Amino acid sequence: MKLPTFVICLLLVLYAPDSQAYIDPNAGGLLFQILTPVFAAIVGAWLFLRRWIAETLRRLWQRLRGKSTQ
């Protein structure tokens, strides 16, 4: 019963109709220029806040389990 569903999904994924769209050749460069600072900001925030995040999650987990350290 699952094999026909798999085959149908596979055919839908592999079907590639002709495309009439145009993508600017430098769109990849623009995307890279936008995503690089966003990624750097996320990584920087994670590195800066990781101890605080870990400690907060640890306290929350202990409180949920009933082992309050306060």
PDB file of N, CA and C in Angstrom:
ATOM      1  N   MET A   1       0.814  -1.196   0.000  1.00  0.00           N
ATOM      2  CA  MET A   1       0.000   0.000   0.000  1.00  0.00           C
ATOM      3  C   MET A   1       0.857   1.259   0.000  1.00  0.00           C
ATOM      4  N   LYS A   2       2.013   1.210   0.668  1.00  0.00           N
ATOM      5  CA  LYS A   2       2.865   2.389   0.737  1.00  0.00           C
ATOM      6  C   LYS A   2       3.722   2.557  -0.517  1.00  0.00           C
ATOM      7  N   LEU A   3       3.960   1.512  -1.256  1.00  0.00           N
ATOM      8  CA  LEU A   3       4.798   1.601  -2.440  1.00  0.00           C
ATOM      9  C   LEU A   3       4.213   2.525  -3.498  1.00  0.00           C
ATOM     10  N   PRO A   4       2.927   2.454  -3.816  1.00  0.00           N
ATOM     11  CA  PRO A   4       2.389   3.408  -4.812  1.00  0.00           C
ATOM     12  C   PRO A   4       2.507   4.852  -4.344  1.00  0.00           C
ATOM     13  N   THR A   5       2.305   5.105  -3.073  1.00  0.00           N
ATOM     14  CA  THR A   5       2.454   6.463  -2.555  1.00  0.00           C
ATOM     15  C   THR A   5       3.881   6.942  -2.723  1.00  0.00           C
ATOM     16  N   PHE A   6       4.844   6.066  -2.435  1.00  0.00           N
ATOM     17  CA  PHE A   6       6.256   6.406  -2.594  1.00  0.00           C
ATOM     18  C   PHE A   6       6.580   6.687  -4.054  1.00  0.00           C
ATOM     19  N   VAL A   7       6.083   5.862  -4.944  1.00  0.00           N
ATOM     20  CA  VAL A   7       6.351   6.032  -6.371  1.00  0.00           C
ATOM     21  C   VAL A   7       5.749   7.346  -6.869  1.00  0.00           C
ATOM     22  N   ILE A   8       4.538   7.658  -6.431  1.00  0.00           N
ATOM     23  CA  ILE A   8       3.894   8.916  -6.839  1.00  0.00           C
ATOM     24  C   ILE A   8       4.692  10.111  -6.335  1.00  0.00           C
ATOM     25  N   CYS A   9       5.115  10.067  -5.077  1.00  0.00           N
ATOM     26  CA  CYS A   9       5.926  11.160  -4.522  1.00  0.00           C
ATOM     27  C   CYS A   9       7.250  11.293  -5.262  1.00  0.00           C
ATOM     28  N   LEU A  10       7.875  10.175  -5.581  1.00  0.00           N
ATOM     29  CA  LEU A  10       9.135  10.196  -6.311  1.00  0.00           C
ATOM     30  C   LEU A  10       8.957  10.803  -7.700  1.00  0.00           C
ATOM     31  N   LEU A  11       7.893  10.444  -8.367  1.00  0.00           N
ATOM     32  CA  LEU A  11       7.632  11.002  -9.692  1.00  0.00           C
ATOM     33  C   LEU A  11       7.361  12.503  -9.616  1.00  0.00           C
ATOM     34  N   LEU A  12       6.648  12.952  -8.595  1.00  0.00           N
ATOM     35  CA  LEU A  12       6.386  14.382  -8.440  1.00  0.00           C
ATOM     36  C   LEU A  12       7.664  15.159  -8.170  1.00  0.00           C
ATOM     37  N   VAL A  13       8.578  14.564  -7.414  1.00  0.00           N
ATOM     38  CA  VAL A  13       9.847  15.233  -7.109  1.00  0.00           C
ATOM     39  C   VAL A  13      10.748  15.274  -8.342  1.00  0.00           C
ATOM     40  N   LEU A  14      10.756  14.207  -9.118  1.00  0.00           N
ATOM     41  CA  LEU A  14      11.655  14.124 -10.261  1.00  0.00           C
ATOM     42  C   LEU A  14      11.116  14.802 -11.513  1.00  0.00           C
ATOM     43  N   TYR A  15       9.835  15.145 -11.546  1.00  0.00           N
ATOM     44  CA  TYR A  15       9.242  15.791 -12.698  1.00  0.00           C
ATOM     45  C   TYR A  15       9.747  17.230 -12.792  1.00  0.00           C
ATOM     46  N   ALA A  16      10.321  17.596 -13.912  1.00  0.00           N
ATOM     47  CA  ALA A  16      10.888  18.937 -14.096  1.00  0.00           C
ATOM     48  C   ALA A  16      10.329  19.551 -15.378  1.00  0.00           C
ATOM     49  N   PRO A  17       9.268  20.339 -15.266  1.00  0.00           N
ATOM     50  CA  PRO A  17       8.721  20.979 -16.464  1.00  0.00           C
ATOM     51  C   PRO A  17       9.623  22.119 -16.923  1.00  0.00           C
ATOM     52  N   ASP A  18       9.425  22.569 -18.150  1.00  0.00           N
ATOM     53  CA  ASP A  18      10.189  23.707 -18.659  1.00  0.00           C
ATOM     54  C   ASP A  18       9.849  24.952 -17.846  1.00  0.00           C
ATOM     55  N   SER A  19      10.865  25.723 -17.580  1.00  0.00           N
ATOM     56  CA  SER A  19      10.674  26.928 -16.792  1.00  0.00           C
ATOM     57  C   SER A  19      10.832  28.158 -17.677  1.00  0.00           C
ATOM     58  N   GLN A  20       9.990  29.148 -17.447  1.00  0.00           N
ATOM     59  CA  GLN A  20      10.054  30.391 -18.196  1.00  0.00           C
ATOM     60  C   GLN A  20      10.578  31.533 -17.320  1.00  0.00           C
ATOM     61  N   ALA A  21      11.086  31.210 -16.165  1.00  0.00           N
ATOM     62  CA  ALA A  21      11.551  32.237 -15.230  1.00  0.00           C
ATOM     63  C   ALA A  21      12.994  32.609 -15.540  1.00  0.00           C
ATOM     64  N   TYR A  22      13.360  33.825 -15.140  1.00  0.00           N
ATOM     65  CA  TYR A  22      14.722  34.299 -15.315  1.00  0.00           C
ATOM     66  C   TYR A  22      15.255  34.736 -13.963  1.00  0.00           C
ATOM     67  N   ILE A  23      16.410  34.243 -13.619  1.00  0.00           N
ATOM     68  CA  ILE A  23      17.065  34.642 -12.379  1.00  0.00           C
ATOM     69  C   ILE A  23      18.347  35.364 -12.755  1.00  0.00           C
ATOM     70  N   ASP A  24      18.519  36.532 -12.189  1.00  0.00           N
ATOM     71  CA  ASP A  24      19.696  37.339 -12.461  1.00  0.00           C
ATOM     72  C   ASP A  24      20.957  36.562 -12.071  1.00  0.00           C
ATOM     73  N   PRO A  25      22.003  36.580 -12.881  1.00  0.00           N
ATOM     74  CA  PRO A  25      23.221  35.832 -12.562  1.00  0.00           C
ATOM     75  C   PRO A  25      23.873  36.267 -11.240  1.00  0.00           C
ATOM     76  N   ASN A  26      23.679  37.511 -10.835  1.00  0.00           N
ATOM     77  CA  ASN A  26      24.305  37.968  -9.600  1.00  0.00           C
ATOM     78  C   ASN A  26      23.381  37.826  -8.397  1.00  0.00           C
ATOM     79  N   ALA A  27      22.244  37.155  -8.555  1.00  0.00           N
ATOM     80  CA  ALA A  27      21.328  36.975  -7.431  1.00  0.00           C
ATOM     81  C   ALA A  27      21.991  36.159  -6.318  1.00  0.00           C
ATOM     82  N   GLY A  28      22.852  35.237  -6.689  1.00  0.00           N
ATOM     83  CA  GLY A  28      23.564  34.456  -5.676  1.00  0.00           C
ATOM     84  C   GLY A  28      24.487  35.330  -4.849  1.00  0.00           C
ATOM     85  N   GLY A  29      25.156  36.282  -5.497  1.00  0.00           N
ATOM     86  CA  GLY A  29      26.032  37.202  -4.764  1.00  0.00           C
ATOM     87  C   GLY A  29      25.250  38.083  -3.815  1.00  0.00           C
ATOM     88  N   LEU A  30      24.102  38.558  -4.241  1.00  0.00           N
ATOM     89  CA  LEU A  30      23.253  39.377  -3.378  1.00  0.00           C
ATOM     90  C   LEU A  30      22.752  38.557  -2.194  1.00  0.00           C
ATOM     91  N   LEU A  31      22.338  37.344  -2.460  1.00  0.00           N
ATOM     92  CA  LEU A  31      21.880  36.469  -1.388  1.00  0.00           C
ATOM     93  C   LEU A  31      23.001  36.201  -0.394  1.00  0.00           C
ATOM     94  N   PHE A  32      24.198  35.964  -0.886  1.00  0.00           N
ATOM     95  CA  PHE A  32      25.347  35.741  -0.016  1.00  0.00           C
ATOM     96  C   PHE A  32      25.638  36.974   0.833  1.00  0.00           C
ATOM     97  N   GLN A  33      25.555  38.164   0.243  1.00  0.00           N
ATOM     98  CA  GLN A  33      25.814  39.407   0.978  1.00  0.00           C
ATOM     99  C   GLN A  33      24.768  39.654   2.055  1.00  0.00           C
ATOM    100  N   ILE A  34      23.567  39.188   1.849  1.00  0.00           N
ATOM    101  CA  ILE A  34      22.516  39.369   2.846  1.00  0.00           C
ATOM    102  C   ILE A  34      22.636  38.321   3.951  1.00  0.00           C
ATOM    103  N   LEU A  35      22.870  37.082   3.579  1.00  0.00           N
ATOM    104  CA  LEU A  35      22.852  35.996   4.561  1.00  0.00           C
ATOM    105  C   LEU A  35      24.112  35.907   5.410  1.00  0.00           C
ATOM    106  N   THR A  36      25.254  36.342   4.896  1.00  0.00           N
ATOM    107  CA  THR A  36      26.496  36.261   5.660  1.00  0.00           C
ATOM    108  C   THR A  36      26.449  37.076   6.946  1.00  0.00           C
ATOM    109  N   PRO A  37      26.061  38.356   6.928  1.00  0.00           N
ATOM    110  CA  PRO A  37      25.986  39.090   8.198  1.00  0.00           C
ATOM    111  C   PRO A  37      24.910  38.554   9.141  1.00  0.00           C
ATOM    112  N   VAL A  38      23.811  38.051   8.577  1.00  0.00           N
ATOM    113  CA  VAL A  38      22.767  37.471   9.430  1.00  0.00           C
ATOM    114  C   VAL A  38      23.315  36.239  10.143  1.00  0.00           C
ATOM    115  N   PHE A  39      23.984  35.379   9.406  1.00  0.00           N
ATOM    116  CA  PHE A  39      24.583  34.177  10.001  1.00  0.00           C
ATOM    117  C   PHE A  39      25.638  34.554  11.038  1.00  0.00           C
ATOM    118  N   ALA A  40      26.480  35.549  10.735  1.00  0.00           N
ATOM    119  CA  ALA A  40      27.512  35.992  11.679  1.00  0.00           C
ATOM    120  C   ALA A  40      26.880  36.554  12.954  1.00  0.00           C
ATOM    121  N   ALA A  41      25.782  37.285  12.825  1.00  0.00           N
ATOM    122  CA  ALA A  41      25.105  37.832  14.006  1.00  0.00           C
ATOM    123  C   ALA A  41      24.507  36.731  14.864  1.00  0.00           C
ATOM    124  N   ILE A  42      23.935  35.723  14.231  1.00  0.00           N
ATOM    125  CA  ILE A  42      23.353  34.603  14.987  1.00  0.00           C
ATOM    126  C   ILE A  42      24.438  33.838  15.719  1.00  0.00           C
ATOM    127  N   VAL A  43      25.536  33.545  15.039  1.00  0.00           N
ATOM    128  CA  VAL A  43      26.639  32.820  15.676  1.00  0.00           C
ATOM    129  C   VAL A  43      27.253  33.660  16.797  1.00  0.00           C
ATOM    130  N   GLY A  44      27.438  34.947  16.554  1.00  0.00           N
ATOM    131  CA  GLY A  44      27.989  35.824  17.587  1.00  0.00           C
ATOM    132  C   GLY A  44      27.099  35.895  18.811  1.00  0.00           C
ATOM    133  N   ALA A  45      25.786  36.021  18.600  1.00  0.00           N
ATOM    134  CA  ALA A  45      24.857  36.054  19.733  1.00  0.00           C
ATOM    135  C   ALA A  45      24.886  34.741  20.485  1.00  0.00           C
ATOM    136  N   TRP A  46      24.944  33.629  19.752  1.00  0.00           N
ATOM    137  CA  TRP A  46      25.005  32.326  20.417  1.00  0.00           C
ATOM    138  C   TRP A  46      26.274  32.205  21.260  1.00  0.00           C
ATOM    139  N   LEU A  47      27.415  32.583  20.711  1.00  0.00           N
ATOM    140  CA  LEU A  47      28.664  32.489  21.468  1.00  0.00           C
ATOM    141  C   LEU A  47      28.663  33.422  22.674  1.00  0.00           C
ATOM    142  N   PHE A  48      28.059  34.576  22.542  1.00  0.00           N
ATOM    143  CA  PHE A  48      28.018  35.543  23.628  1.00  0.00           C
ATOM    144  C   PHE A  48      27.048  35.111  24.736  1.00  0.00           C
ATOM    145  N   LEU A  49      25.929  34.485  24.349  1.00  0.00           N
ATOM    146  CA  LEU A  49      24.877  34.167  25.313  1.00  0.00           C
ATOM    147  C   LEU A  49      24.786  32.687  25.685  1.00  0.00           C
ATOM    148  N   ARG A  50      25.696  31.872  25.227  1.00  0.00           N
ATOM    149  CA  ARG A  50      25.523  30.430  25.427  1.00  0.00           C
ATOM    150  C   ARG A  50      25.555  30.014  26.890  1.00  0.00           C
ATOM    151  N   ARG A  51      26.395  30.644  27.720  1.00  0.00           N
ATOM    152  CA  ARG A  51      26.407  30.281  29.139  1.00  0.00           C
ATOM    153  C   ARG A  51      25.093  30.662  29.811  1.00  0.00           C
ATOM    154  N   TRP A  52      24.588  31.865  29.480  1.00  0.00           N
ATOM    155  CA  TRP A  52      23.340  32.310  30.075  1.00  0.00           C
ATOM    156  C   TRP A  52      22.186  31.409  29.628  1.00  0.00           C
ATOM    157  N   ILE A  53      22.165  31.046  28.349  1.00  0.00           N
ATOM    158  CA  ILE A  53      21.118  30.170  27.836  1.00  0.00           C
ATOM    159  C   ILE A  53      21.201  28.802  28.504  1.00  0.00           C
ATOM    160  N   ALA A  54      22.394  28.251  28.607  1.00  0.00           N
ATOM    161  CA  ALA A  54      22.568  26.929  29.215  1.00  0.00           C
ATOM    162  C   ALA A  54      22.147  26.945  30.682  1.00  0.00           C
ATOM    163  N   GLU A  55      22.545  27.974  31.419  1.00  0.00           N
ATOM    164  CA  GLU A  55      22.197  28.061  32.832  1.00  0.00           C
ATOM    165  C   GLU A  55      20.690  28.228  33.020  1.00  0.00           C
ATOM    166  N   THR A  56      20.068  29.047  32.183  1.00  0.00           N
ATOM    167  CA  THR A  56      18.619  29.242  32.265  1.00  0.00           C
ATOM    168  C   THR A  56      17.878  27.948  31.961  1.00  0.00           C
ATOM    169  N   LEU A  57      18.302  27.245  30.924  1.00  0.00           N
ATOM    170  CA  LEU A  57      17.665  25.965  30.595  1.00  0.00           C
ATOM    171  C   LEU A  57      17.897  24.931  31.689  1.00  0.00           C
ATOM    172  N   ARG A  58      19.086  24.934  32.298  1.00  0.00           N
ATOM    173  CA  ARG A  58      19.379  24.003  33.384  1.00  0.00           C
ATOM    174  C   ARG A  58      18.467  24.281  34.582  1.00  0.00           C
ATOM    175  N   ARG A  59      18.309  25.566  34.949  1.00  0.00           N
ATOM    176  CA  ARG A  59      17.424  25.922  36.069  1.00  0.00           C
ATOM    177  C   ARG A  59      15.975  25.555  35.763  1.00  0.00           C
ATOM    178  N   LEU A  60      15.542  25.810  34.540  1.00  0.00           N
ATOM    179  CA  LEU A  60      14.178  25.467  34.152  1.00  0.00           C
ATOM    180  C   LEU A  60      13.955  23.963  34.229  1.00  0.00           C
ATOM    181  N   TRP A  61      14.908  23.192  33.746  1.00  0.00           N
ATOM    182  CA  TRP A  61      14.801  21.735  33.773  1.00  0.00           C
ATOM    183  C   TRP A  61      14.755  21.229  35.216  1.00  0.00           C
ATOM    184  N   GLN A  62      15.593  21.797  36.085  1.00  0.00           N
ATOM    185  CA  GLN A  62      15.586  21.385  37.487  1.00  0.00           C
ATOM    186  C   GLN A  62      14.262  21.755  38.151  1.00  0.00           C
ATOM    187  N   ARG A  63      13.731  22.925  37.827  1.00  0.00           N
ATOM    188  CA  ARG A  63      12.452  23.339  38.395  1.00  0.00           C
ATOM    189  C   ARG A  63      11.333  22.425  37.920  1.00  0.00           C
ATOM    190  N   LEU A  64      11.367  22.017  36.662  1.00  0.00           N
ATOM    191  CA  LEU A  64      10.343  21.119  36.140  1.00  0.00           C
ATOM    192  C   LEU A  64      10.442  19.736  36.782  1.00  0.00           C
ATOM    193  N   ARG A  65      11.641  19.326  37.105  1.00  0.00           N
ATOM    194  CA  ARG A  65      11.830  18.013  37.732  1.00  0.00           C
ATOM    195  C   ARG A  65      11.650  18.073  39.249  1.00  0.00           C
ATOM    196  N   GLY A  66      11.507  19.282  39.815  1.00  0.00           N
ATOM    197  CA  GLY A  66      11.290  19.422  41.247  1.00  0.00           C
ATOM    198  C   GLY A  66      12.534  19.463  42.073  1.00  0.00           C
ATOM    199  N   LYS A  67      13.671  19.766  41.469  1.00  0.00           N
ATOM    200  CA  LYS A  67      14.946  19.820  42.185  1.00  0.00           C
ATOM    201  C   LYS A  67      15.452  21.259  42.204  1.00  0.00           C
ATOM    202  N   SER A  68      14.732  22.121  42.906  1.00  0.00           N
ATOM    203  CA  SER A  68      15.114  23.523  42.955  1.00  0.00           C
ATOM    204  C   SER A  68      16.360  23.691  43.798  1.00  0.00           C
ATOM    205  N   THR A  69      17.323  24.487  43.311  1.00  0.00           N
ATOM    206  CA  THR A  69      18.590  24.706  44.035  1.00  0.00           C
ATOM    207  C   THR A  69      18.580  26.005  44.810  1.00  0.00           C
ATOM    208  N   GLN A  70      17.451  26.721  44.815  1.00  0.00           N
ATOM    209  CA  GLN A  70      17.396  28.019  45.478  1.00  0.00           C
ATOM    210  C   GLN A  70      17.140  27.897  46.931  1.00  0.00           C
TER     211      GLN A  70
END
